[in-house]
């Protein structure tokens, strides 16, 4: 788990349960990271909030909502990539907000 702090809890989707929403200033622990499609942005799952059917279609919180120490960037990159070779990632999903700019 990677410790982080929520720095942006604005713009909660109207259909997302308030009880499952992150709160600015609260500490969380990142347990999963992925590129969210079709937007091509980095998303996190946190240990403290279990995404369930009430959160559908959402599975991740946008990474811009959190801050963490730079020393964890490589660990998050590895969460996203898993066993894949970086060269296997489709460049079409790589935007400024994606994992490519994130680890740069």
PDB file of N, CA and C in Angstrom:
ATOM      1  N   UNK A   1       0.842  -1.183   0.000  1.00  0.00           N
ATOM      2  CA  UNK A   1       0.000   0.000   0.000  1.00  0.00           C
ATOM      3  C   UNK A   1       0.887   1.247   0.000  1.00  0.00           C
ATOM      4  N   UNK A   2       0.400   2.252  -0.688  1.00  0.00           N
ATOM      5  CA  UNK A   2       1.144   3.498  -0.815  1.00  0.00           C
ATOM      6  C   UNK A   2       0.351   4.615  -0.123  1.00  0.00           C
ATOM      7  N   UNK A   3       0.925   5.212   0.912  1.00  0.00           N
ATOM      8  CA  UNK A   3       0.207   6.268   1.619  1.00  0.00           C
ATOM      9  C   UNK A   3       0.077   7.528   0.773  1.00  0.00           C
ATOM     10  N   UNK A   4      -1.087   8.171   0.887  1.00  0.00           N
ATOM     11  CA  UNK A   4      -1.342   9.406   0.150  1.00  0.00           C
ATOM     12  C   UNK A   4      -2.347  10.242   0.932  1.00  0.00           C
ATOM     13  N   UNK A   5      -2.527  11.474   0.485  1.00  0.00           N
ATOM     14  CA  UNK A   5      -3.502  12.378   1.082  1.00  0.00           C
ATOM     15  C   UNK A   5      -4.375  12.923  -0.038  1.00  0.00           C
ATOM     16  N   UNK A   6      -5.673  12.976   0.207  1.00  0.00           N
ATOM     17  CA  UNK A   6      -6.589  13.557  -0.776  1.00  0.00           C
ATOM     18  C   UNK A   6      -6.429  15.077  -0.751  1.00  0.00           C
ATOM     19  N   UNK A   7      -6.200  15.657  -1.931  1.00  0.00           N
ATOM     20  CA  UNK A   7      -6.048  17.105  -2.041  1.00  0.00           C
ATOM     21  C   UNK A   7      -7.169  17.741  -2.871  1.00  0.00           C
ATOM     22  N   UNK A   8      -8.084  16.918  -3.391  1.00  0.00           N
ATOM     23  CA  UNK A   8      -9.176  17.446  -4.216  1.00  0.00           C
ATOM     24  C   UNK A   8     -10.374  16.507  -4.156  1.00  0.00           C
ATOM     25  N   UNK A   9     -11.406  16.926  -3.443  1.00  0.00           N
ATOM     26  CA  UNK A   9     -12.621  16.107  -3.384  1.00  0.00           C
ATOM     27  C   UNK A   9     -13.776  16.763  -4.142  1.00  0.00           C
ATOM     28  N   UNK A  10     -13.446  17.719  -4.998  1.00  0.00           N
ATOM     29  CA  UNK A  10     -14.477  18.427  -5.757  1.00  0.00           C
ATOM     30  C   UNK A  10     -15.002  17.571  -6.910  1.00  0.00           C
ATOM     31  N   UNK A  11     -16.088  18.046  -7.486  1.00  0.00           N
ATOM     32  CA  UNK A  11     -16.672  17.469  -8.708  1.00  0.00           C
ATOM     33  C   UNK A  11     -17.029  15.990  -8.569  1.00  0.00           C
ATOM     34  N   UNK A  12     -17.651  15.627  -7.440  1.00  0.00           N
ATOM     35  CA  UNK A  12     -18.147  14.249  -7.284  1.00  0.00           C
ATOM     36  C   UNK A  12     -19.270  14.040  -8.298  1.00  0.00           C
ATOM     37  N   UNK A  13     -19.200  12.966  -9.087  1.00  0.00           N
ATOM     38  CA  UNK A  13     -20.294  12.681 -10.016  1.00  0.00           C
ATOM     39  C   UNK A  13     -21.614  12.527  -9.252  1.00  0.00           C
ATOM     40  N   UNK A  14     -22.675  13.055  -9.784  1.00  0.00           N
ATOM     41  CA  UNK A  14     -23.978  13.046  -9.113  1.00  0.00           C
ATOM     42  C   UNK A  14     -24.445  11.639  -8.768  1.00  0.00           C
ATOM     43  N   UNK A  15     -24.062  10.659  -9.574  1.00  0.00           N
ATOM     44  CA  UNK A  15     -24.509   9.285  -9.334  1.00  0.00           C
ATOM     45  C   UNK A  15     -23.539   8.478  -8.469  1.00  0.00           C
ATOM     46  N   UNK A  16     -22.508   9.138  -7.918  1.00  0.00           N
ATOM     47  CA  UNK A  16     -21.537   8.450  -7.066  1.00  0.00           C
ATOM     48  C   UNK A  16     -21.945   8.656  -5.607  1.00  0.00           C
ATOM     49  N   UNK A  17     -22.067   7.556  -4.809  1.00  0.00           N
ATOM     50  CA  UNK A  17     -22.521   7.685  -3.421  1.00  0.00           C
ATOM     51  C   UNK A  17     -21.588   8.558  -2.576  1.00  0.00           C
ATOM     52  N   UNK A  18     -22.155   9.519  -1.872  1.00  0.00           N
ATOM     53  CA  UNK A  18     -21.380  10.403  -1.010  1.00  0.00           C
ATOM     54  C   UNK A  18     -20.596   9.617   0.032  1.00  0.00           C
ATOM     55  N   UNK A  19     -21.180   8.526   0.524  1.00  0.00           N
ATOM     56  CA  UNK A  19     -20.529   7.713   1.560  1.00  0.00           C
ATOM     57  C   UNK A  19     -19.268   7.009   1.047  1.00  0.00           C
ATOM     58  N   UNK A  20     -19.108   6.941  -0.260  1.00  0.00           N
ATOM     59  CA  UNK A  20     -17.946   6.273  -0.869  1.00  0.00           C
ATOM     60  C   UNK A  20     -16.958   7.271  -1.469  1.00  0.00           C
ATOM     61  N   UNK A  21     -17.205   8.562  -1.276  1.00  0.00           N
ATOM     62  CA  UNK A  21     -16.375   9.590  -1.888  1.00  0.00           C
ATOM     63  C   UNK A  21     -15.201   9.942  -0.983  1.00  0.00           C
ATOM     64  N   UNK A  22     -14.057  10.289  -1.582  1.00  0.00           N
ATOM     65  CA  UNK A  22     -12.882  10.714  -0.826  1.00  0.00           C
ATOM     66  C   UNK A  22     -13.134  12.092  -0.208  1.00  0.00           C
ATOM     67  N   UNK A  23     -12.394  12.376   0.872  1.00  0.00           N
ATOM     68  CA  UNK A  23     -12.530  13.667   1.535  1.00  0.00           C
ATOM     69  C   UNK A  23     -11.181  14.368   1.582  1.00  0.00           C
ATOM     70  N   UNK A  24     -11.159  15.609   1.139  1.00  0.00           N
ATOM     71  CA  UNK A  24      -9.929  16.397   1.129  1.00  0.00           C
ATOM     72  C   UNK A  24      -9.330  16.467   2.531  1.00  0.00           C
ATOM     73  N   UNK A  25      -8.014  16.228   2.597  1.00  0.00           N
ATOM     74  CA  UNK A  25      -7.292  16.259   3.868  1.00  0.00           C
ATOM     75  C   UNK A  25      -7.171  14.907   4.542  1.00  0.00           C
ATOM     76  N   UNK A  26      -7.973  13.939   4.122  1.00  0.00           N
ATOM     77  CA  UNK A  26      -7.900  12.594   4.707  1.00  0.00           C
ATOM     78  C   UNK A  26      -6.764  11.791   4.087  1.00  0.00           C
ATOM     79  N   UNK A  27      -6.196  10.909   4.903  1.00  0.00           N
ATOM     80  CA  UNK A  27      -5.147  10.009   4.437  1.00  0.00           C
ATOM     81  C   UNK A  27      -5.773   8.720   3.915  1.00  0.00           C
ATOM     82  N   UNK A  28      -5.193   8.200   2.829  1.00  0.00           N
ATOM     83  CA  UNK A  28      -5.637   6.959   2.210  1.00  0.00           C
ATOM     84  C   UNK A  28      -4.405   6.132   1.856  1.00  0.00           C
ATOM     85  N   UNK A  29      -4.648   4.893   1.465  1.00  0.00           N
ATOM     86  CA  UNK A  29      -3.575   3.992   1.032  1.00  0.00           C
ATOM     87  C   UNK A  29      -3.933   3.422  -0.332  1.00  0.00           C
ATOM     88  N   UNK A  30      -3.116   3.729  -1.331  1.00  0.00           N
ATOM     89  CA  UNK A  30      -3.344   3.251  -2.697  1.00  0.00           C
ATOM     90  C   UNK A  30      -3.043   1.757  -2.758  1.00  0.00           C
ATOM     91  N   UNK A  31      -4.002   0.997  -3.269  1.00  0.00           N
ATOM     92  CA  UNK A  31      -3.819  -0.450  -3.399  1.00  0.00           C
ATOM     93  C   UNK A  31      -3.825  -0.915  -4.846  1.00  0.00           C
ATOM     94  N   UNK A  32      -4.278  -0.051  -5.757  1.00  0.00           N
ATOM     95  CA  UNK A  32      -4.287  -0.401  -7.179  1.00  0.00           C
ATOM     96  C   UNK A  32      -4.225   0.878  -7.991  1.00  0.00           C
ATOM     97  N   UNK A  33      -3.609   0.774  -9.152  1.00  0.00           N
ATOM     98  CA  UNK A  33      -3.504   1.901 -10.079  1.00  0.00           C
ATOM     99  C   UNK A  33      -3.683   1.376 -11.491  1.00  0.00           C
ATOM    100  N   UNK A  34      -4.337   2.166 -12.322  1.00  0.00           N
ATOM    101  CA  UNK A  34      -4.578   1.757 -13.710  1.00  0.00           C
ATOM    102  C   UNK A  34      -4.820   2.983 -14.561  1.00  0.00           C
ATOM    103  N   UNK A  35      -4.637   2.829 -15.866  1.00  0.00           N
ATOM    104  CA  UNK A  35      -5.012   3.868 -16.808  1.00  0.00           C
ATOM    105  C   UNK A  35      -6.500   3.709 -17.073  1.00  0.00           C
ATOM    106  N   UNK A  36      -7.247   4.782 -16.804  1.00  0.00           N
ATOM    107  CA  UNK A  36      -8.699   4.767 -16.979  1.00  0.00           C
ATOM    108  C   UNK A  36      -9.016   5.103 -18.431  1.00  0.00           C
ATOM    109  N   UNK A  37      -9.777   4.235 -19.073  1.00  0.00           N
ATOM    110  CA  UNK A  37     -10.199   4.468 -20.456  1.00  0.00           C
ATOM    111  C   UNK A  37     -11.658   4.896 -20.472  1.00  0.00           C
ATOM    112  N   UNK A  38     -12.125   5.694 -21.366  1.00  0.00           N
ATOM    113  CA  UNK A  38     -11.436   6.166 -22.568  1.00  0.00           C
ATOM    114  C   UNK A  38     -10.611   7.432 -22.341  1.00  0.00           C
ATOM    115  N   UNK A  39     -10.641   7.985 -21.122  1.00  0.00           N
ATOM    116  CA  UNK A  39      -9.955   9.250 -20.880  1.00  0.00           C
ATOM    117  C   UNK A  39      -8.437   9.152 -20.969  1.00  0.00           C
ATOM    118  N   UNK A  40      -7.873   7.982 -20.675  1.00  0.00           N
ATOM    119  CA  UNK A  40      -6.437   7.808 -20.709  1.00  0.00           C
ATOM    120  C   UNK A  40      -5.735   8.471 -19.540  1.00  0.00           C
ATOM    121  N   UNK A  41      -6.425   8.566 -18.390  1.00  0.00           N
ATOM    122  CA  UNK A  41      -5.826   9.172 -17.210  1.00  0.00           C
ATOM    123  C   UNK A  41      -5.528   8.106 -16.164  1.00  0.00           C
ATOM    124  N   UNK A  42      -4.627   8.444 -15.268  1.00  0.00           N
ATOM    125  CA  UNK A  42      -4.254   7.518 -14.211  1.00  0.00           C
ATOM    126  C   UNK A  42      -5.309   7.529 -13.111  1.00  0.00           C
ATOM    127  N   UNK A  43      -5.695   6.333 -12.643  1.00  0.00           N
ATOM    128  CA  UNK A  43      -6.679   6.214 -11.574  1.00  0.00           C
ATOM    129  C   UNK A  43      -6.168   5.344 -10.449  1.00  0.00           C
ATOM    130  N   UNK A  44      -6.670   5.607  -9.228  1.00  0.00           N
ATOM    131  CA  UNK A  44      -6.274   4.853  -8.041  1.00  0.00           C
ATOM    132  C   UNK A  44      -7.484   4.239  -7.349  1.00  0.00           C
ATOM    133  N   UNK A  45      -7.281   3.063  -6.771  1.00  0.00           N
ATOM    134  CA  UNK A  45      -8.200   2.491  -5.792  1.00  0.00           C
ATOM    135  C   UNK A  45      -7.518   2.635  -4.445  1.00  0.00           C
ATOM    136  N   UNK A  46      -8.306   2.957  -3.422  1.00  0.00           N
ATOM    137  CA  UNK A  46      -7.740   3.121  -2.089  1.00  0.00           C
ATOM    138  C   UNK A  46      -8.328   2.081  -1.141  1.00  0.00           C
ATOM    139  N   UNK A  47      -7.510   1.653  -0.206  1.00  0.00           N
ATOM    140  CA  UNK A  47      -7.886   0.605   0.735  1.00  0.00           C
ATOM    141  C   UNK A  47      -9.099   0.986   1.578  1.00  0.00           C
ATOM    142  N   UNK A  48      -9.229   2.247   1.896  1.00  0.00           N
ATOM    143  CA  UNK A  48     -10.260   2.702   2.826  1.00  0.00           C
ATOM    144  C   UNK A  48     -11.652   2.796   2.220  1.00  0.00           C
ATOM    145  N   UNK A  49     -11.744   2.755   0.891  1.00  0.00           N
ATOM    146  CA  UNK A  49     -13.044   2.836   0.216  1.00  0.00           C
ATOM    147  C   UNK A  49     -13.173   1.659  -0.740  1.00  0.00           C
ATOM    148  N   UNK A  50     -14.123   0.800  -0.456  1.00  0.00           N
ATOM    149  CA  UNK A  50     -14.368  -0.366  -1.303  1.00  0.00           C
ATOM    150  C   UNK A  50     -15.384  -0.003  -2.378  1.00  0.00           C
ATOM    151  N   UNK A  51     -14.926   0.026  -3.605  1.00  0.00           N
ATOM    152  CA  UNK A  51     -15.830   0.306  -4.723  1.00  0.00           C
ATOM    153  C   UNK A  51     -16.731  -0.908  -4.915  1.00  0.00           C
ATOM    154  N   UNK A  52     -18.035  -0.675  -4.934  1.00  0.00           N
ATOM    155  CA  UNK A  52     -18.977  -1.777  -5.107  1.00  0.00           C
ATOM    156  C   UNK A  52     -19.962  -1.427  -6.224  1.00  0.00           C
ATOM    157  N   UNK A  53     -21.024  -2.205  -6.338  1.00  0.00           N
ATOM    158  CA  UNK A  53     -21.989  -1.984  -7.421  1.00  0.00           C
ATOM    159  C   UNK A  53     -22.640  -0.615  -7.345  1.00  0.00           C
ATOM    160  N   UNK A  54     -22.708  -0.026  -6.158  1.00  0.00           N
ATOM    161  CA  UNK A  54     -23.292   1.306  -6.009  1.00  0.00           C
ATOM    162  C   UNK A  54     -22.430   2.394  -6.638  1.00  0.00           C
ATOM    163  N   UNK A  55     -21.167   2.087  -6.884  1.00  0.00           N
ATOM    164  CA  UNK A  55     -20.239   3.044  -7.490  1.00  0.00           C
ATOM    165  C   UNK A  55     -20.194   2.924  -9.010  1.00  0.00           C
ATOM    166  N   UNK A  56     -20.794   1.860  -9.550  1.00  0.00           N
ATOM    167  CA  UNK A  56     -20.742   1.597 -10.984  1.00  0.00           C
ATOM    168  C   UNK A  56     -21.229   2.813 -11.764  1.00  0.00           C
ATOM    169  N   UNK A  57     -20.563   3.215 -12.815  1.00  0.00           N
ATOM    170  CA  UNK A  57     -19.513   2.545 -13.576  1.00  0.00           C
ATOM    171  C   UNK A  57     -18.093   2.886 -13.102  1.00  0.00           C
ATOM    172  N   UNK A  58     -17.977   3.587 -12.012  1.00  0.00           N
ATOM    173  CA  UNK A  58     -16.663   4.031 -11.540  1.00  0.00           C
ATOM    174  C   UNK A  58     -15.940   2.918 -10.793  1.00  0.00           C
ATOM    175  N   UNK A  59     -14.633   2.783 -11.083  1.00  0.00           N
ATOM    176  CA  UNK A  59     -13.803   1.773 -10.418  1.00  0.00           C
ATOM    177  C   UNK A  59     -12.578   2.389  -9.770  1.00  0.00           C
ATOM    178  N   UNK A  60     -12.231   3.612 -10.172  1.00  0.00           N
ATOM    179  CA  UNK A  60     -11.023   4.279  -9.702  1.00  0.00           C
ATOM    180  C   UNK A  60     -11.313   5.755  -9.449  1.00  0.00           C
ATOM    181  N   UNK A  61     -10.514   6.348  -8.564  1.00  0.00           N
ATOM    182  CA  UNK A  61     -10.517   7.796  -8.381  1.00  0.00           C
ATOM    183  C   UNK A  61      -9.391   8.365  -9.231  1.00  0.00           C
ATOM    184  N   UNK A  62      -9.615   9.500  -9.845  1.00  0.00           N
ATOM    185  CA  UNK A  62      -8.575  10.139 -10.645  1.00  0.00           C
ATOM    186  C   UNK A  62      -7.372  10.465  -9.772  1.00  0.00           C
ATOM    187  N   UNK A  63      -6.200  10.198 -10.292  1.00  0.00           N
ATOM    188  CA  UNK A  63      -4.966  10.397  -9.518  1.00  0.00           C
ATOM    189  C   UNK A  63      -4.739  11.848  -9.125  1.00  0.00           C
ATOM    190  N   UNK A  64      -5.326  12.801  -9.855  1.00  0.00           N
ATOM    191  CA  UNK A  64      -5.108  14.214  -9.521  1.00  0.00           C
ATOM    192  C   UNK A  64      -5.688  14.576  -8.155  1.00  0.00           C
ATOM    193  N   UNK A  65      -6.508  13.695  -7.612  1.00  0.00           N
ATOM    194  CA  UNK A  65      -7.121  13.942  -6.304  1.00  0.00           C
ATOM    195  C   UNK A  65      -6.180  13.669  -5.130  1.00  0.00           C
ATOM    196  N   UNK A  66      -5.023  13.108  -5.406  1.00  0.00           N
ATOM    197  CA  UNK A  66      -4.132  12.657  -4.332  1.00  0.00           C
ATOM    198  C   UNK A  66      -2.722  13.197  -4.498  1.00  0.00           C
ATOM    199  N   UNK A  67      -2.030  13.276  -3.374  1.00  0.00           N
ATOM    200  CA  UNK A  67      -0.606  13.621  -3.377  1.00  0.00           C
ATOM    201  C   UNK A  67       0.110  12.586  -2.509  1.00  0.00           C
ATOM    202  N   UNK A  68       1.337  12.281  -2.903  1.00  0.00           N
ATOM    203  CA  UNK A  68       2.142  11.307  -2.160  1.00  0.00           C
ATOM    204  C   UNK A  68       3.603  11.615  -2.412  1.00  0.00           C
ATOM    205  N   UNK A  69       4.458  10.991  -1.669  1.00  0.00           N
ATOM    206  CA  UNK A  69       5.890  11.235  -1.824  1.00  0.00           C
ATOM    207  C   UNK A  69       6.390  10.697  -3.160  1.00  0.00           C
ATOM    208  N   UNK A  70       7.308  11.444  -3.765  1.00  0.00           N
ATOM    209  CA  UNK A  70       7.874  11.059  -5.065  1.00  0.00           C
ATOM    210  C   UNK A  70       8.486   9.661  -5.056  1.00  0.00           C
ATOM    211  N   UNK A  71       8.981   9.230  -3.909  1.00  0.00           N
ATOM    212  CA  UNK A  71       9.629   7.918  -3.847  1.00  0.00           C
ATOM    213  C   UNK A  71       8.675   6.777  -4.207  1.00  0.00           C
ATOM    214  N   UNK A  72       7.369   7.037  -4.256  1.00  0.00           N
ATOM    215  CA  UNK A  72       6.392   5.992  -4.583  1.00  0.00           C
ATOM    216  C   UNK A  72       6.028   5.952  -6.066  1.00  0.00           C
ATOM    217  N   UNK A  73       6.541   6.873  -6.870  1.00  0.00           N
ATOM    218  CA  UNK A  73       6.176   6.899  -8.290  1.00  0.00           C
ATOM    219  C   UNK A  73       6.491   5.584  -8.992  1.00  0.00           C
ATOM    220  N   UNK A  74       7.664   5.035  -8.737  1.00  0.00           N
ATOM    221  CA  UNK A  74       8.044   3.776  -9.397  1.00  0.00           C
ATOM    222  C   UNK A  74       7.099   2.650  -8.992  1.00  0.00           C
ATOM    223  N   UNK A  75       6.717   2.574  -7.741  1.00  0.00           N
ATOM    224  CA  UNK A  75       5.803   1.525  -7.265  1.00  0.00           C
ATOM    225  C   UNK A  75       4.442   1.650  -7.949  1.00  0.00           C
ATOM    226  N   UNK A  76       3.971   2.876  -8.143  1.00  0.00           N
ATOM    227  CA  UNK A  76       2.690   3.073  -8.823  1.00  0.00           C
ATOM    228  C   UNK A  76       2.809   2.693 -10.291  1.00  0.00           C
ATOM    229  N   UNK A  77       3.902   3.073 -10.916  1.00  0.00           N
ATOM    230  CA  UNK A  77       4.137   2.680 -12.304  1.00  0.00           C
ATOM    231  C   UNK A  77       4.082   1.154 -12.428  1.00  0.00           C
ATOM    232  N   UNK A  78       4.721   0.454 -11.499  1.00  0.00           N
ATOM    233  CA  UNK A  78       4.719  -1.014 -11.525  1.00  0.00           C
ATOM    234  C   UNK A  78       3.330  -1.584 -11.280  1.00  0.00           C
ATOM    235  N   UNK A  79       2.510  -0.913 -10.473  1.00  0.00           N
ATOM    236  CA  UNK A  79       1.113  -1.347 -10.285  1.00  0.00           C
ATOM    237  C   UNK A  79       0.367  -1.302 -11.613  1.00  0.00           C
ATOM    238  N   UNK A  80       0.591  -0.230 -12.351  1.00  0.00           N
ATOM    239  CA  UNK A  80      -0.110  -0.056 -13.623  1.00  0.00           C
ATOM    240  C   UNK A  80       0.384  -1.056 -14.652  1.00  0.00           C
ATOM    241  N   UNK A  81       1.689  -1.202 -14.743  1.00  0.00           N
ATOM    242  CA  UNK A  81       2.271  -2.018 -15.800  1.00  0.00           C
ATOM    243  C   UNK A  81       2.254  -3.508 -15.501  1.00  0.00           C
ATOM    244  N   UNK A  82       2.291  -3.887 -14.225  1.00  0.00           N
ATOM    245  CA  UNK A  82       2.337  -5.303 -13.903  1.00  0.00           C
ATOM    246  C   UNK A  82       3.533  -5.961 -14.562  1.00  0.00           C
ATOM    247  N   UNK A  83       3.304  -7.083 -15.213  1.00  0.00           N
ATOM    248  CA  UNK A  83       4.381  -7.807 -15.885  1.00  0.00           C
ATOM    249  C   UNK A  83       4.591  -7.372 -17.333  1.00  0.00           C
ATOM    250  N   UNK A  84       3.800  -6.415 -17.803  1.00  0.00           N
ATOM    251  CA  UNK A  84       3.913  -5.986 -19.198  1.00  0.00           C
ATOM    252  C   UNK A  84       5.182  -5.191 -19.433  1.00  0.00           C
ATOM    253  N   UNK A  85       5.662  -5.289 -20.617  1.00  0.00           N
ATOM    254  CA  UNK A  85       6.777  -4.469 -21.070  1.00  0.00           C
ATOM    255  C   UNK A  85       6.199  -3.104 -21.440  1.00  0.00           C
ATOM    256  N   UNK A  86       6.856  -2.046 -21.017  1.00  0.00           N
ATOM    257  CA  UNK A  86       6.395  -0.686 -21.297  1.00  0.00           C
ATOM    258  C   UNK A  86       6.123  -0.481 -22.784  1.00  0.00           C
ATOM    259  N   UNK A  87       6.887  -1.097 -23.626  1.00  0.00           N
ATOM    260  CA  UNK A  87       6.727  -0.925 -25.076  1.00  0.00           C
ATOM    261  C   UNK A  87       5.406  -1.507 -25.586  1.00  0.00           C
ATOM    262  N   UNK A  88       4.747  -2.324 -24.769  1.00  0.00           N
ATOM    263  CA  UNK A  88       3.478  -2.925 -25.187  1.00  0.00           C
ATOM    264  C   UNK A  88       2.289  -1.991 -25.010  1.00  0.00           C
ATOM    265  N   UNK A  89       2.469  -0.867 -24.319  1.00  0.00           N
ATOM    266  CA  UNK A  89       1.361   0.040 -24.056  1.00  0.00           C
ATOM    267  C   UNK A  89       0.999   0.798 -25.316  1.00  0.00           C
ATOM    268  N   UNK A  90      -0.290   0.847 -25.613  1.00  0.00           N
ATOM    269  CA  UNK A  90      -0.794   1.535 -26.792  1.00  0.00           C
ATOM    270  C   UNK A  90      -0.567   3.040 -26.644  1.00  0.00           C
ATOM    271  N   UNK A  91       0.223   3.650 -27.528  1.00  0.00           N
ATOM    272  CA  UNK A  91       0.499   5.082 -27.410  1.00  0.00           C
ATOM    273  C   UNK A  91      -0.765   5.935 -27.517  1.00  0.00           C
ATOM    274  N   UNK A  92      -1.828   5.401 -28.097  1.00  0.00           N
ATOM    275  CA  UNK A  92      -3.067   6.155 -28.254  1.00  0.00           C
ATOM    276  C   UNK A  92      -3.704   6.513 -26.916  1.00  0.00           C
ATOM    277  N   UNK A  93      -3.399   5.751 -25.854  1.00  0.00           N
ATOM    278  CA  UNK A  93      -4.001   6.065 -24.560  1.00  0.00           C
ATOM    279  C   UNK A  93      -3.098   6.945 -23.708  1.00  0.00           C
ATOM    280  N   UNK A  94      -1.930   7.269 -24.214  1.00  0.00           N
ATOM    281  CA  UNK A  94      -0.981   8.053 -23.425  1.00  0.00           C
ATOM    282  C   UNK A  94      -1.193   9.548 -23.656  1.00  0.00           C
ATOM    283  N   UNK A  95      -1.740  10.225 -22.653  1.00  0.00           N
ATOM    284  CA  UNK A  95      -1.964  11.666 -22.707  1.00  0.00           C
ATOM    285  C   UNK A  95      -1.107  12.321 -21.645  1.00  0.00           C
ATOM    286  N   UNK A  96      -1.164  13.620 -21.563  1.00  0.00           N
ATOM    287  CA  UNK A  96      -0.376  14.347 -20.557  1.00  0.00           C
ATOM    288  C   UNK A  96      -0.714  13.901 -19.146  1.00  0.00           C
ATOM    289  N   UNK A  97      -1.944  13.468 -18.911  1.00  0.00           N
ATOM    290  CA  UNK A  97      -2.353  13.063 -17.562  1.00  0.00           C
ATOM    291  C   UNK A  97      -2.118  11.578 -17.304  1.00  0.00           C
ATOM    292  N   UNK A  98      -1.526  10.893 -18.234  1.00  0.00           N
ATOM    293  CA  UNK A  98      -1.371   9.441 -18.117  1.00  0.00           C
ATOM    294  C   UNK A  98      -0.100   9.053 -17.386  1.00  0.00           C
ATOM    295  N   UNK A  99       0.138   7.775 -17.322  1.00  0.00           N
ATOM    296  CA  UNK A  99       1.293   7.217 -16.610  1.00  0.00           C
ATOM    297  C   UNK A  99       2.603   7.681 -17.213  1.00  0.00           C
ATOM    298  N   UNK A 100       2.652   7.995 -18.500  1.00  0.00           N
ATOM    299  CA  UNK A 100       3.901   8.431 -19.110  1.00  0.00           C
ATOM    300  C   UNK A 100       4.368   9.745 -18.493  1.00  0.00           C
ATOM    301  N   UNK A 101       3.503  10.730 -18.417  1.00  0.00           N
ATOM    302  CA  UNK A 101       3.897  11.996 -17.817  1.00  0.00           C
ATOM    303  C   UNK A 101       4.050  11.864 -16.307  1.00  0.00           C
ATOM    304  N   UNK A 102       3.320  10.941 -15.732  1.00  0.00           N
ATOM    305  CA  UNK A 102       3.366  10.723 -14.292  1.00  0.00           C
ATOM    306  C   UNK A 102       4.750  10.300 -13.827  1.00  0.00           C
ATOM    307  N   UNK A 103       5.401   9.423 -14.557  1.00  0.00           N
ATOM    308  CA  UNK A 103       6.710   8.927 -14.135  1.00  0.00           C
ATOM    309  C   UNK A 103       7.875   9.760 -14.670  1.00  0.00           C
ATOM    310  N   UNK A 104       7.576  10.720 -15.511  1.00  0.00           N
ATOM    311  CA  UNK A 104       8.625  11.561 -16.094  1.00  0.00           C
ATOM    312  C   UNK A 104       9.191  12.510 -15.064  1.00  0.00           C
TER     313      UNK A 104
END
